[in-house]
Amino acid sequence: MWSGADPLILASKSASRRALLAAAGLPAKSVAVDIDERALEDRFLGGGGSLERLAAELAQAKALAASALHPEAYCLGADQTLTLEDRLLHKPRDLTEAAHSLAALAGRTHRLTSAFCIARSGAILGIEQDTAELHMRILDGRAIAQYLDLAGPDVISSVGVYQLEGLGLHLFDRIDGDHATILGIPMLKLLAWLRGQDLISL
């Protein structure tokens, strides 16, 4: 199916992103890239960039960083942002901040924007993004505490304090959008781009 000479280079150590690629039959090697996401975010937004395009900007930076290390490979950068109305949320630092994040999200609709960028030899070849909207059900303090106790400290690795493929599903009463986009890569758009480049045959 994959016709590239070498596996994709995934500029991420995210287990969920690796799993998405593996499930689609795409060989990928994960590498860590050294970029200061918060500084890049501040420069982009401070320079007039929009919240809607921030995920794509971060994905591009990751793809280019990976391409500098593996210039002959197709390098895939991916990133995701969560916005609540006009506010950008970040990963909580601890379970106390996680509880505050859930209280802010409860009973409201937030947006997850996932983007990918493909780079090779230091050049951007393709960049796409997709957005999903998730409505979290009303949660009181007791429900939030129970969820955090059951889900455990791993939830702070997610900006929304949930993994939709696990206990996080209990938090929602409506979800509009592609599941893979919610997990971190807009896979339908990625697969369409790869087909367009004759990099996959299916």
N, C-alpha and C. Protein backbone atom coordinates (compact mmCIF):
# COMPACT_ATOMS: atom_id res chain seq x y z
N MET A 1 0.83 -1.21 0.00
CA MET A 1 0.00 0.00 0.00
C MET A 1 0.86 1.26 0.00
N TRP A 2 1.82 1.35 0.97
CA TRP A 2 2.72 2.50 1.03
C TRP A 2 3.81 2.33 -0.01
N SER A 3 4.01 3.32 -0.87
CA SER A 3 4.97 3.19 -1.96
C SER A 3 6.24 4.01 -1.74
N GLY A 4 6.34 4.68 -0.59
CA GLY A 4 7.56 5.42 -0.32
C GLY A 4 8.74 4.48 -0.09
N ALA A 5 9.94 4.94 -0.40
CA ALA A 5 11.13 4.11 -0.22
C ALA A 5 11.40 3.84 1.24
N ASP A 6 11.07 4.79 2.10
CA ASP A 6 11.30 4.67 3.53
C ASP A 6 9.99 4.94 4.27
N PRO A 7 9.88 4.49 5.52
CA PRO A 7 8.67 4.79 6.29
C PRO A 7 8.50 6.30 6.48
N LEU A 8 7.27 6.70 6.74
CA LEU A 8 7.02 8.07 7.17
C LEU A 8 7.80 8.36 8.44
N ILE A 9 8.25 9.58 8.59
CA ILE A 9 8.80 10.03 9.86
C ILE A 9 7.72 10.84 10.56
N LEU A 10 7.26 10.35 11.70
CA LEU A 10 6.25 11.04 12.48
C LEU A 10 6.94 11.90 13.52
N ALA A 11 6.79 13.20 13.42
CA ALA A 11 7.46 14.13 14.34
C ALA A 11 6.65 14.25 15.62
N SER A 12 6.51 13.12 16.30
CA SER A 12 5.70 13.08 17.52
C SER A 12 5.95 11.75 18.22
N LYS A 13 5.86 11.77 19.53
CA LYS A 13 5.93 10.53 20.31
C LYS A 13 4.54 10.11 20.78
N SER A 14 3.50 10.74 20.24
CA SER A 14 2.12 10.46 20.64
C SER A 14 1.72 9.04 20.29
N ALA A 15 1.31 8.28 21.30
CA ALA A 15 0.88 6.90 21.07
C ALA A 15 -0.39 6.85 20.22
N SER A 16 -1.30 7.80 20.43
CA SER A 16 -2.55 7.78 19.68
C SER A 16 -2.30 8.08 18.20
N ARG A 17 -1.38 8.98 17.90
CA ARG A 17 -1.07 9.28 16.50
C ARG A 17 -0.38 8.09 15.83
N ARG A 18 0.54 7.45 16.54
CA ARG A 18 1.18 6.25 15.99
C ARG A 18 0.13 5.18 15.71
N ALA A 19 -0.83 5.03 16.62
CA ALA A 19 -1.86 4.02 16.45
C ALA A 19 -2.75 4.32 15.25
N LEU A 20 -3.07 5.59 15.02
CA LEU A 20 -3.89 5.96 13.87
C LEU A 20 -3.19 5.59 12.56
N LEU A 21 -1.89 5.88 12.47
CA LEU A 21 -1.15 5.55 11.26
C LEU A 21 -1.04 4.05 11.07
N ALA A 22 -0.76 3.33 12.16
CA ALA A 22 -0.62 1.88 12.07
C ALA A 22 -1.94 1.22 11.64
N ALA A 23 -3.06 1.72 12.19
CA ALA A 23 -4.36 1.16 11.85
C ALA A 23 -4.68 1.35 10.37
N ALA A 24 -4.15 2.42 9.77
CA ALA A 24 -4.38 2.70 8.35
C ALA A 24 -3.33 2.04 7.45
N GLY A 25 -2.45 1.24 8.06
CA GLY A 25 -1.45 0.52 7.28
C GLY A 25 -0.29 1.37 6.82
N LEU A 26 -0.04 2.48 7.50
CA LEU A 26 1.05 3.36 7.12
C LEU A 26 2.26 3.12 8.01
N PRO A 27 3.38 2.68 7.44
CA PRO A 27 4.58 2.48 8.25
C PRO A 27 5.14 3.84 8.68
N ALA A 28 5.47 3.95 9.96
CA ALA A 28 5.95 5.24 10.47
C ALA A 28 6.98 5.01 11.57
N LYS A 29 7.96 5.88 11.58
CA LYS A 29 8.96 5.90 12.65
C LYS A 29 8.80 7.20 13.42
N SER A 30 8.61 7.10 14.73
CA SER A 30 8.42 8.29 15.56
C SER A 30 9.75 8.88 15.98
N VAL A 31 9.86 10.19 15.87
CA VAL A 31 11.04 10.90 16.35
C VAL A 31 10.59 12.10 17.17
N ALA A 32 11.35 12.42 18.17
CA ALA A 32 11.07 13.62 18.97
C ALA A 32 11.75 14.80 18.29
N VAL A 33 11.04 15.92 18.21
CA VAL A 33 11.63 17.13 17.65
C VAL A 33 11.66 18.21 18.73
N ASP A 34 12.68 19.06 18.63
CA ASP A 34 12.90 20.07 19.66
C ASP A 34 12.40 21.42 19.18
N ILE A 35 11.13 21.71 19.46
CA ILE A 35 10.61 23.04 19.16
C ILE A 35 9.92 23.57 20.41
N ASP A 36 9.99 24.86 20.61
CA ASP A 36 9.34 25.52 21.74
C ASP A 36 7.93 25.90 21.29
N GLU A 37 6.97 25.02 21.56
CA GLU A 37 5.61 25.24 21.05
C GLU A 37 4.99 26.51 21.61
N ARG A 38 5.21 26.78 22.88
CA ARG A 38 4.58 27.96 23.47
C ARG A 38 5.16 29.24 22.90
N ALA A 39 6.49 29.27 22.66
CA ALA A 39 7.10 30.46 22.06
C ALA A 39 6.61 30.65 20.63
N LEU A 40 6.50 29.54 19.88
CA LEU A 40 6.00 29.63 18.51
C LEU A 40 4.56 30.13 18.50
N GLU A 41 3.78 29.61 19.42
CA GLU A 41 2.38 30.03 19.56
C GLU A 41 2.29 31.52 19.83
N ASP A 42 3.11 32.01 20.76
CA ASP A 42 3.08 33.44 21.11
C ASP A 42 3.47 34.31 19.92
N ARG A 43 4.49 33.88 19.16
CA ARG A 43 4.91 34.65 17.98
C ARG A 43 3.82 34.66 16.91
N PHE A 44 3.23 33.52 16.68
CA PHE A 44 2.22 33.40 15.64
C PHE A 44 0.99 34.24 15.97
N LEU A 45 0.47 34.09 17.17
CA LEU A 45 -0.72 34.84 17.55
C LEU A 45 -0.41 36.33 17.73
N GLY A 46 0.78 36.62 18.27
CA GLY A 46 1.18 38.02 18.44
C GLY A 46 1.39 38.73 17.12
N GLY A 47 1.70 37.96 16.08
CA GLY A 47 1.89 38.54 14.76
C GLY A 47 0.62 38.61 13.93
N GLY A 48 -0.51 38.33 14.57
CA GLY A 48 -1.78 38.43 13.87
C GLY A 48 -2.33 37.12 13.35
N GLY A 49 -1.65 36.01 13.65
CA GLY A 49 -2.16 34.71 13.23
C GLY A 49 -3.44 34.36 13.98
N SER A 50 -4.27 33.54 13.37
CA SER A 50 -5.57 33.21 13.96
C SER A 50 -5.50 31.92 14.77
N LEU A 51 -6.37 31.82 15.76
CA LEU A 51 -6.48 30.59 16.53
C LEU A 51 -6.80 29.41 15.63
N GLU A 52 -7.60 29.64 14.59
CA GLU A 52 -8.03 28.57 13.70
C GLU A 52 -6.85 27.97 12.92
N ARG A 53 -5.78 28.74 12.71
CA ARG A 53 -4.64 28.25 11.93
C ARG A 53 -3.45 27.86 12.79
N LEU A 54 -3.60 27.97 14.11
CA LEU A 54 -2.47 27.69 14.99
C LEU A 54 -2.02 26.23 14.90
N ALA A 55 -2.95 25.29 14.86
CA ALA A 55 -2.57 23.87 14.79
C ALA A 55 -1.75 23.60 13.54
N ALA A 56 -2.14 24.20 12.42
CA ALA A 56 -1.39 24.02 11.18
C ALA A 56 0.02 24.61 11.29
N GLU A 57 0.14 25.75 11.94
CA GLU A 57 1.45 26.38 12.13
C GLU A 57 2.37 25.49 12.97
N LEU A 58 1.82 24.90 14.03
CA LEU A 58 2.60 24.01 14.88
C LEU A 58 2.98 22.73 14.14
N ALA A 59 2.03 22.18 13.38
CA ALA A 59 2.32 20.97 12.60
C ALA A 59 3.43 21.24 11.58
N GLN A 60 3.41 22.42 10.96
CA GLN A 60 4.44 22.78 10.00
C GLN A 60 5.81 22.86 10.65
N ALA A 61 5.87 23.47 11.82
CA ALA A 61 7.15 23.59 12.53
C ALA A 61 7.71 22.21 12.87
N LYS A 62 6.85 21.29 13.26
CA LYS A 62 7.31 19.94 13.59
C LYS A 62 7.79 19.20 12.36
N ALA A 63 7.04 19.32 11.26
CA ALA A 63 7.44 18.64 10.02
C ALA A 63 8.79 19.14 9.52
N LEU A 64 9.00 20.46 9.58
CA LEU A 64 10.27 21.03 9.11
C LEU A 64 11.42 20.63 10.02
N ALA A 65 11.16 20.56 11.33
CA ALA A 65 12.21 20.14 12.26
C ALA A 65 12.61 18.70 12.00
N ALA A 66 11.64 17.84 11.74
CA ALA A 66 11.94 16.44 11.43
C ALA A 66 12.66 16.32 10.09
N SER A 67 12.26 17.15 9.12
CA SER A 67 12.88 17.10 7.80
C SER A 67 14.34 17.52 7.84
N ALA A 68 14.67 18.40 8.75
CA ALA A 68 16.08 18.80 8.90
C ALA A 68 16.94 17.63 9.36
N LEU A 69 16.33 16.71 10.10
CA LEU A 69 17.05 15.53 10.59
C LEU A 69 17.00 14.37 9.60
N HIS A 70 15.93 14.29 8.81
CA HIS A 70 15.73 13.18 7.87
C HIS A 70 15.31 13.76 6.51
N PRO A 71 16.23 14.41 5.81
CA PRO A 71 15.85 15.17 4.61
C PRO A 71 15.28 14.32 3.47
N GLU A 72 15.64 13.05 3.37
CA GLU A 72 15.15 12.23 2.26
C GLU A 72 13.80 11.60 2.53
N ALA A 73 13.34 11.67 3.75
CA ALA A 73 12.08 11.01 4.12
C ALA A 73 10.90 11.97 4.02
N TYR A 74 9.72 11.41 3.90
CA TYR A 74 8.49 12.19 4.04
C TYR A 74 8.22 12.34 5.54
N CYS A 75 8.24 13.57 6.01
CA CYS A 75 8.12 13.84 7.44
C CYS A 75 6.73 14.41 7.74
N LEU A 76 6.08 13.80 8.69
CA LEU A 76 4.71 14.17 9.06
C LEU A 76 4.71 14.87 10.40
N GLY A 77 4.30 16.13 10.40
CA GLY A 77 4.08 16.86 11.63
C GLY A 77 2.58 16.95 11.88
N ALA A 78 2.18 16.81 13.11
CA ALA A 78 0.75 16.90 13.45
C ALA A 78 0.61 17.62 14.77
N ASP A 79 -0.45 18.39 14.88
CA ASP A 79 -0.72 19.08 16.14
C ASP A 79 -2.22 19.31 16.28
N GLN A 80 -2.61 19.66 17.49
CA GLN A 80 -4.03 19.86 17.79
C GLN A 80 -4.18 21.00 18.78
N THR A 81 -5.22 21.80 18.58
CA THR A 81 -5.54 22.86 19.53
C THR A 81 -6.97 22.70 19.99
N LEU A 82 -7.23 23.17 21.20
CA LEU A 82 -8.58 23.17 21.76
C LEU A 82 -8.95 24.61 22.07
N THR A 83 -10.08 25.04 21.52
CA THR A 83 -10.56 26.39 21.79
C THR A 83 -11.96 26.32 22.37
N LEU A 84 -12.17 27.16 23.36
CA LEU A 84 -13.47 27.33 23.99
C LEU A 84 -13.88 28.76 23.73
N GLU A 85 -14.87 28.92 22.84
CA GLU A 85 -15.24 30.24 22.34
C GLU A 85 -13.98 30.86 21.73
N ASP A 86 -13.48 31.97 22.23
CA ASP A 86 -12.28 32.58 21.65
C ASP A 86 -11.06 32.38 22.53
N ARG A 87 -11.09 31.35 23.36
CA ARG A 87 -9.99 31.13 24.31
C ARG A 87 -9.28 29.82 23.99
N LEU A 88 -7.95 29.88 23.98
CA LEU A 88 -7.13 28.71 23.74
C LEU A 88 -6.80 28.05 25.08
N LEU A 89 -7.07 26.75 25.18
CA LEU A 89 -6.75 26.02 26.40
C LEU A 89 -5.48 25.20 26.20
N HIS A 90 -4.71 25.03 27.29
CA HIS A 90 -3.49 24.25 27.26
C HIS A 90 -3.62 23.05 28.20
N LYS A 91 -2.66 22.14 28.09
CA LYS A 91 -2.67 20.97 28.95
C LYS A 91 -2.53 21.41 30.41
N PRO A 92 -3.30 20.80 31.32
CA PRO A 92 -3.16 21.14 32.74
C PRO A 92 -1.83 20.62 33.29
N ARG A 93 -1.30 21.32 34.25
CA ARG A 93 -0.03 20.89 34.85
C ARG A 93 -0.22 19.84 35.93
N ASP A 94 -1.41 19.78 36.51
CA ASP A 94 -1.67 18.80 37.56
C ASP A 94 -3.18 18.54 37.63
N LEU A 95 -3.58 17.68 38.54
CA LEU A 95 -4.99 17.31 38.62
C LEU A 95 -5.87 18.45 39.12
N THR A 96 -5.31 19.37 39.88
CA THR A 96 -6.09 20.53 40.31
C THR A 96 -6.45 21.39 39.10
N GLU A 97 -5.46 21.66 38.24
CA GLU A 97 -5.75 22.40 37.02
C GLU A 97 -6.68 21.61 36.10
N ALA A 98 -6.55 20.28 36.11
CA ALA A 98 -7.43 19.44 35.29
C ALA A 98 -8.88 19.62 35.72
N ALA A 99 -9.11 19.69 37.02
CA ALA A 99 -10.48 19.88 37.52
C ALA A 99 -11.02 21.24 37.09
N HIS A 100 -10.17 22.27 37.12
CA HIS A 100 -10.60 23.60 36.68
C HIS A 100 -10.94 23.60 35.18
N SER A 101 -10.13 22.89 34.39
CA SER A 101 -10.40 22.81 32.95
C SER A 101 -11.74 22.14 32.68
N LEU A 102 -12.00 21.04 33.38
CA LEU A 102 -13.27 20.33 33.17
C LEU A 102 -14.45 21.18 33.60
N ALA A 103 -14.29 21.94 34.68
CA ALA A 103 -15.37 22.83 35.13
C ALA A 103 -15.66 23.89 34.07
N ALA A 104 -14.60 24.37 33.39
CA ALA A 104 -14.80 25.38 32.34
C ALA A 104 -15.47 24.79 31.11
N LEU A 105 -15.16 23.53 30.79
CA LEU A 105 -15.70 22.89 29.60
C LEU A 105 -17.11 22.33 29.81
N ALA A 106 -17.45 22.01 31.06
CA ALA A 106 -18.72 21.33 31.34
C ALA A 106 -19.92 22.16 30.90
N GLY A 107 -20.84 21.50 30.21
CA GLY A 107 -22.05 22.15 29.75
C GLY A 107 -21.87 23.05 28.55
N ARG A 108 -20.69 23.01 27.92
CA ARG A 108 -20.40 23.91 26.81
C ARG A 108 -19.80 23.14 25.64
N THR A 109 -19.76 23.79 24.48
CA THR A 109 -19.19 23.19 23.28
C THR A 109 -17.80 23.76 23.02
N HIS A 110 -16.83 22.87 22.85
CA HIS A 110 -15.49 23.33 22.48
C HIS A 110 -15.09 22.73 21.14
N ARG A 111 -14.04 23.29 20.56
CA ARG A 111 -13.58 22.87 19.23
C ARG A 111 -12.18 22.28 19.32
N LEU A 112 -11.99 21.14 18.68
CA LEU A 112 -10.68 20.55 18.51
C LEU A 112 -10.29 20.71 17.03
N THR A 113 -9.17 21.36 16.80
CA THR A 113 -8.65 21.50 15.44
C THR A 113 -7.36 20.71 15.34
N SER A 114 -7.34 19.74 14.43
CA SER A 114 -6.15 18.92 14.20
C SER A 114 -5.62 19.22 12.81
N ALA A 115 -4.31 19.27 12.72
CA ALA A 115 -3.66 19.59 11.44
C ALA A 115 -2.51 18.65 11.19
N PHE A 116 -2.20 18.43 9.90
CA PHE A 116 -0.99 17.72 9.55
C PHE A 116 -0.23 18.53 8.50
N CYS A 117 1.07 18.29 8.46
CA CYS A 117 1.93 18.89 7.46
C CYS A 117 2.94 17.84 7.02
N ILE A 118 3.16 17.74 5.72
CA ILE A 118 4.17 16.84 5.17
C ILE A 118 5.31 17.69 4.60
N ALA A 119 6.53 17.36 5.03
CA ALA A 119 7.72 18.06 4.52
C ALA A 119 8.73 17.04 4.03
N ARG A 120 9.51 17.47 3.06
CA ARG A 120 10.62 16.64 2.56
C ARG A 120 11.71 17.56 2.05
N SER A 121 12.94 17.23 2.42
CA SER A 121 14.10 18.05 2.01
C SER A 121 13.92 19.51 2.38
N GLY A 122 13.28 19.76 3.52
CA GLY A 122 13.11 21.12 4.00
C GLY A 122 12.01 21.91 3.33
N ALA A 123 11.22 21.26 2.47
CA ALA A 123 10.14 21.97 1.76
C ALA A 123 8.78 21.44 2.22
N ILE A 124 7.82 22.33 2.34
CA ILE A 124 6.45 21.95 2.68
C ILE A 124 5.76 21.41 1.43
N LEU A 125 5.28 20.19 1.50
CA LEU A 125 4.61 19.58 0.35
C LEU A 125 3.09 19.64 0.47
N GLY A 126 2.60 19.58 1.68
CA GLY A 126 1.15 19.60 1.88
C GLY A 126 0.81 19.93 3.31
N ILE A 127 -0.31 20.61 3.50
CA ILE A 127 -0.76 20.96 4.84
C ILE A 127 -2.28 21.07 4.83
N GLU A 128 -2.92 20.42 5.80
CA GLU A 128 -4.38 20.39 5.89
C GLU A 128 -4.79 20.40 7.35
N GLN A 129 -6.05 20.75 7.59
CA GLN A 129 -6.58 20.68 8.95
C GLN A 129 -8.06 20.36 8.92
N ASP A 130 -8.57 19.94 10.07
CA ASP A 130 -9.99 19.62 10.20
C ASP A 130 -10.40 19.95 11.63
N THR A 131 -11.68 20.22 11.82
CA THR A 131 -12.18 20.63 13.13
C THR A 131 -13.37 19.78 13.55
N ALA A 132 -13.41 19.45 14.83
CA ALA A 132 -14.55 18.75 15.42
C ALA A 132 -15.10 19.59 16.55
N GLU A 133 -16.40 19.49 16.79
CA GLU A 133 -17.04 20.19 17.90
C GLU A 133 -17.60 19.17 18.88
N LEU A 134 -17.29 19.38 20.15
CA LEU A 134 -17.68 18.44 21.20
C LEU A 134 -18.43 19.18 22.30
N HIS A 135 -19.60 18.68 22.64
CA HIS A 135 -20.39 19.29 23.71
C HIS A 135 -20.30 18.41 24.94
N MET A 136 -19.70 18.96 25.99
CA MET A 136 -19.54 18.23 27.24
C MET A 136 -20.80 18.39 28.08
N ARG A 137 -21.27 17.31 28.66
CA ARG A 137 -22.47 17.38 29.49
C ARG A 137 -22.19 18.17 30.77
N ILE A 138 -23.23 18.59 31.43
CA ILE A 138 -23.09 19.33 32.68
C ILE A 138 -22.49 18.41 33.74
N LEU A 139 -21.44 18.89 34.39
CA LEU A 139 -20.76 18.11 35.43
C LEU A 139 -20.64 18.96 36.69
N ASP A 140 -21.03 18.38 37.82
CA ASP A 140 -20.80 19.09 39.08
C ASP A 140 -19.44 18.67 39.64
N GLY A 141 -19.07 19.27 40.75
CA GLY A 141 -17.76 19.00 41.35
C GLY A 141 -17.57 17.54 41.71
N ARG A 142 -18.63 16.90 42.16
CA ARG A 142 -18.54 15.48 42.54
C ARG A 142 -18.28 14.61 41.32
N ALA A 143 -18.97 14.89 40.21
CA ALA A 143 -18.77 14.11 38.99
C ALA A 143 -17.36 14.29 38.44
N ILE A 144 -16.85 15.52 38.50
CA ILE A 144 -15.49 15.79 38.03
C ILE A 144 -14.47 15.04 38.87
N ALA A 145 -14.64 15.08 40.19
CA ALA A 145 -13.71 14.38 41.08
C ALA A 145 -13.75 12.88 40.85
N GLN A 146 -14.95 12.33 40.65
CA GLN A 146 -15.07 10.89 40.40
C GLN A 146 -14.39 10.50 39.09
N TYR A 147 -14.61 11.31 38.06
CA TYR A 147 -13.99 11.02 36.77
C TYR A 147 -12.46 11.05 36.88
N LEU A 148 -11.91 12.08 37.50
CA LEU A 148 -10.46 12.19 37.63
C LEU A 148 -9.89 11.05 38.45
N ASP A 149 -10.62 10.61 39.46
CA ASP A 149 -10.16 9.49 40.29
C ASP A 149 -10.12 8.20 39.46
N LEU A 150 -11.15 7.99 38.63
CA LEU A 150 -11.21 6.77 37.82
C LEU A 150 -10.23 6.81 36.65
N ALA A 151 -10.11 7.97 36.02
CA ALA A 151 -9.26 8.09 34.83
C ALA A 151 -7.78 8.12 35.18
N GLY A 152 -7.43 8.65 36.35
CA GLY A 152 -6.04 8.67 36.78
C GLY A 152 -5.24 9.83 36.22
N PRO A 153 -3.99 9.94 36.64
CA PRO A 153 -3.16 11.11 36.29
C PRO A 153 -2.80 11.21 34.82
N ASP A 154 -2.96 10.13 34.05
CA ASP A 154 -2.61 10.19 32.62
C ASP A 154 -3.46 11.21 31.86
N VAL A 155 -4.62 11.59 32.42
CA VAL A 155 -5.50 12.52 31.69
C VAL A 155 -4.85 13.89 31.50
N ILE A 156 -3.86 14.24 32.31
CA ILE A 156 -3.26 15.56 32.14
C ILE A 156 -2.37 15.63 30.90
N SER A 157 -2.17 14.49 30.23
CA SER A 157 -1.42 14.52 28.96
C SER A 157 -2.28 15.02 27.82
N SER A 158 -3.59 15.20 28.07
CA SER A 158 -4.51 15.69 27.04
C SER A 158 -5.00 17.08 27.41
N VAL A 159 -5.03 17.97 26.43
CA VAL A 159 -5.44 19.35 26.70
C VAL A 159 -6.88 19.41 27.22
N GLY A 160 -7.75 18.51 26.75
CA GLY A 160 -9.13 18.52 27.19
C GLY A 160 -9.38 17.68 28.42
N VAL A 161 -8.34 17.06 28.95
CA VAL A 161 -8.41 16.21 30.15
C VAL A 161 -9.27 14.96 29.88
N TYR A 162 -9.19 14.44 28.67
CA TYR A 162 -9.93 13.22 28.37
C TYR A 162 -9.29 12.50 27.19
N GLN A 163 -9.47 11.19 27.18
CA GLN A 163 -9.20 10.38 26.00
C GLN A 163 -10.54 9.82 25.56
N LEU A 164 -10.98 10.22 24.39
CA LEU A 164 -12.31 9.85 23.92
C LEU A 164 -12.43 8.34 23.71
N GLU A 165 -11.30 7.67 23.48
CA GLU A 165 -11.32 6.23 23.28
C GLU A 165 -11.39 5.48 24.61
N GLY A 166 -11.44 6.20 25.72
CA GLY A 166 -11.53 5.59 27.04
C GLY A 166 -12.66 6.19 27.86
N LEU A 167 -12.38 6.41 29.14
CA LEU A 167 -13.42 6.92 30.05
C LEU A 167 -13.89 8.32 29.69
N GLY A 168 -13.09 9.04 28.92
CA GLY A 168 -13.49 10.39 28.53
C GLY A 168 -14.80 10.44 27.76
N LEU A 169 -15.17 9.34 27.14
CA LEU A 169 -16.43 9.31 26.40
C LEU A 169 -17.63 9.60 27.29
N HIS A 170 -17.52 9.27 28.57
CA HIS A 170 -18.62 9.51 29.51
C HIS A 170 -18.92 10.99 29.71
N LEU A 171 -17.99 11.85 29.34
CA LEU A 171 -18.14 13.28 29.61
C LEU A 171 -19.05 14.00 28.61
N PHE A 172 -19.41 13.33 27.52
CA PHE A 172 -20.04 14.04 26.41
C PHE A 172 -21.47 13.57 26.15
N ASP A 173 -22.26 14.51 25.63
CA ASP A 173 -23.59 14.13 25.16
C ASP A 173 -23.78 14.40 23.67
N ARG A 174 -22.79 15.07 23.03
CA ARG A 174 -22.87 15.28 21.59
C ARG A 174 -21.48 15.53 21.02
N ILE A 175 -21.19 14.86 19.90
CA ILE A 175 -19.91 15.02 19.25
C ILE A 175 -20.15 15.14 17.75
N ASP A 176 -19.63 16.19 17.15
CA ASP A 176 -19.76 16.41 15.71
C ASP A 176 -18.37 16.50 15.11
N GLY A 177 -18.00 15.49 14.36
CA GLY A 177 -16.69 15.53 13.73
C GLY A 177 -16.10 14.15 13.58
N ASP A 178 -15.02 14.08 12.82
CA ASP A 178 -14.35 12.82 12.54
C ASP A 178 -13.56 12.34 13.76
N HIS A 179 -13.68 11.04 14.04
CA HIS A 179 -13.04 10.48 15.24
C HIS A 179 -11.52 10.64 15.19
N ALA A 180 -10.92 10.40 14.03
CA ALA A 180 -9.46 10.52 13.94
C ALA A 180 -9.00 11.95 14.15
N THR A 181 -9.79 12.91 13.70
CA THR A 181 -9.47 14.32 13.95
C THR A 181 -9.43 14.59 15.45
N ILE A 182 -10.37 14.01 16.18
CA ILE A 182 -10.41 14.19 17.62
C ILE A 182 -9.20 13.55 18.29
N LEU A 183 -8.73 12.43 17.73
CA LEU A 183 -7.58 11.73 18.31
C LEU A 183 -6.24 12.37 17.94
N GLY A 184 -6.24 13.27 16.94
CA GLY A 184 -5.00 14.00 16.72
C GLY A 184 -4.47 14.13 15.31
N ILE A 185 -5.06 13.42 14.32
CA ILE A 185 -4.65 13.59 12.92
C ILE A 185 -5.91 13.55 12.06
N PRO A 186 -6.10 14.51 11.17
CA PRO A 186 -7.24 14.43 10.24
C PRO A 186 -6.94 13.39 9.17
N MET A 187 -7.18 12.11 9.51
CA MET A 187 -6.72 11.00 8.68
C MET A 187 -7.35 10.97 7.29
N LEU A 188 -8.63 11.31 7.18
CA LEU A 188 -9.25 11.28 5.86
C LEU A 188 -8.55 12.24 4.90
N LYS A 189 -8.21 13.42 5.40
CA LYS A 189 -7.50 14.39 4.56
C LYS A 189 -6.06 13.95 4.30
N LEU A 190 -5.43 13.33 5.30
CA LEU A 190 -4.06 12.83 5.10
C LEU A 190 -4.05 11.73 4.04
N LEU A 191 -4.97 10.78 4.13
CA LEU A 191 -5.00 9.69 3.16
C LEU A 191 -5.30 10.21 1.76
N ALA A 192 -6.21 11.18 1.66
CA ALA A 192 -6.51 11.77 0.35
C ALA A 192 -5.27 12.44 -0.24
N TRP A 193 -4.50 13.13 0.59
CA TRP A 193 -3.29 13.79 0.10
C TRP A 193 -2.26 12.75 -0.36
N LEU A 194 -2.08 11.69 0.43
CA LEU A 194 -1.12 10.66 0.06
C LEU A 194 -1.52 9.96 -1.24
N ARG A 195 -2.82 9.71 -1.43
CA ARG A 195 -3.28 9.13 -2.69
C ARG A 195 -2.99 10.06 -3.87
N GLY A 196 -3.22 11.34 -3.64
CA GLY A 196 -2.97 12.33 -4.69
C GLY A 196 -1.51 12.41 -5.10
N GLN A 197 -0.62 12.02 -4.19
CA GLN A 197 0.82 12.03 -4.49
C GLN A 197 1.32 10.65 -4.91
N ASP A 198 0.39 9.69 -5.07
CA ASP A 198 0.75 8.30 -5.43
C ASP A 198 1.68 7.65 -4.39
N LEU A 199 1.50 8.05 -3.15
CA LEU A 199 2.30 7.47 -2.08
C LEU A 199 1.61 6.27 -1.43
N ILE A 200 0.31 6.13 -1.66
CA ILE A 200 -0.40 4.92 -1.25
C ILE A 200 -1.24 4.45 -2.44
N SER A 201 -1.46 3.15 -2.48
CA SER A 201 -2.13 2.57 -3.65
C SER A 201 -3.58 2.21 -3.38
N LEU A 202 -4.02 2.21 -2.13
CA LEU A 202 -5.39 1.80 -1.83
C LEU A 202 -6.35 2.97 -1.96
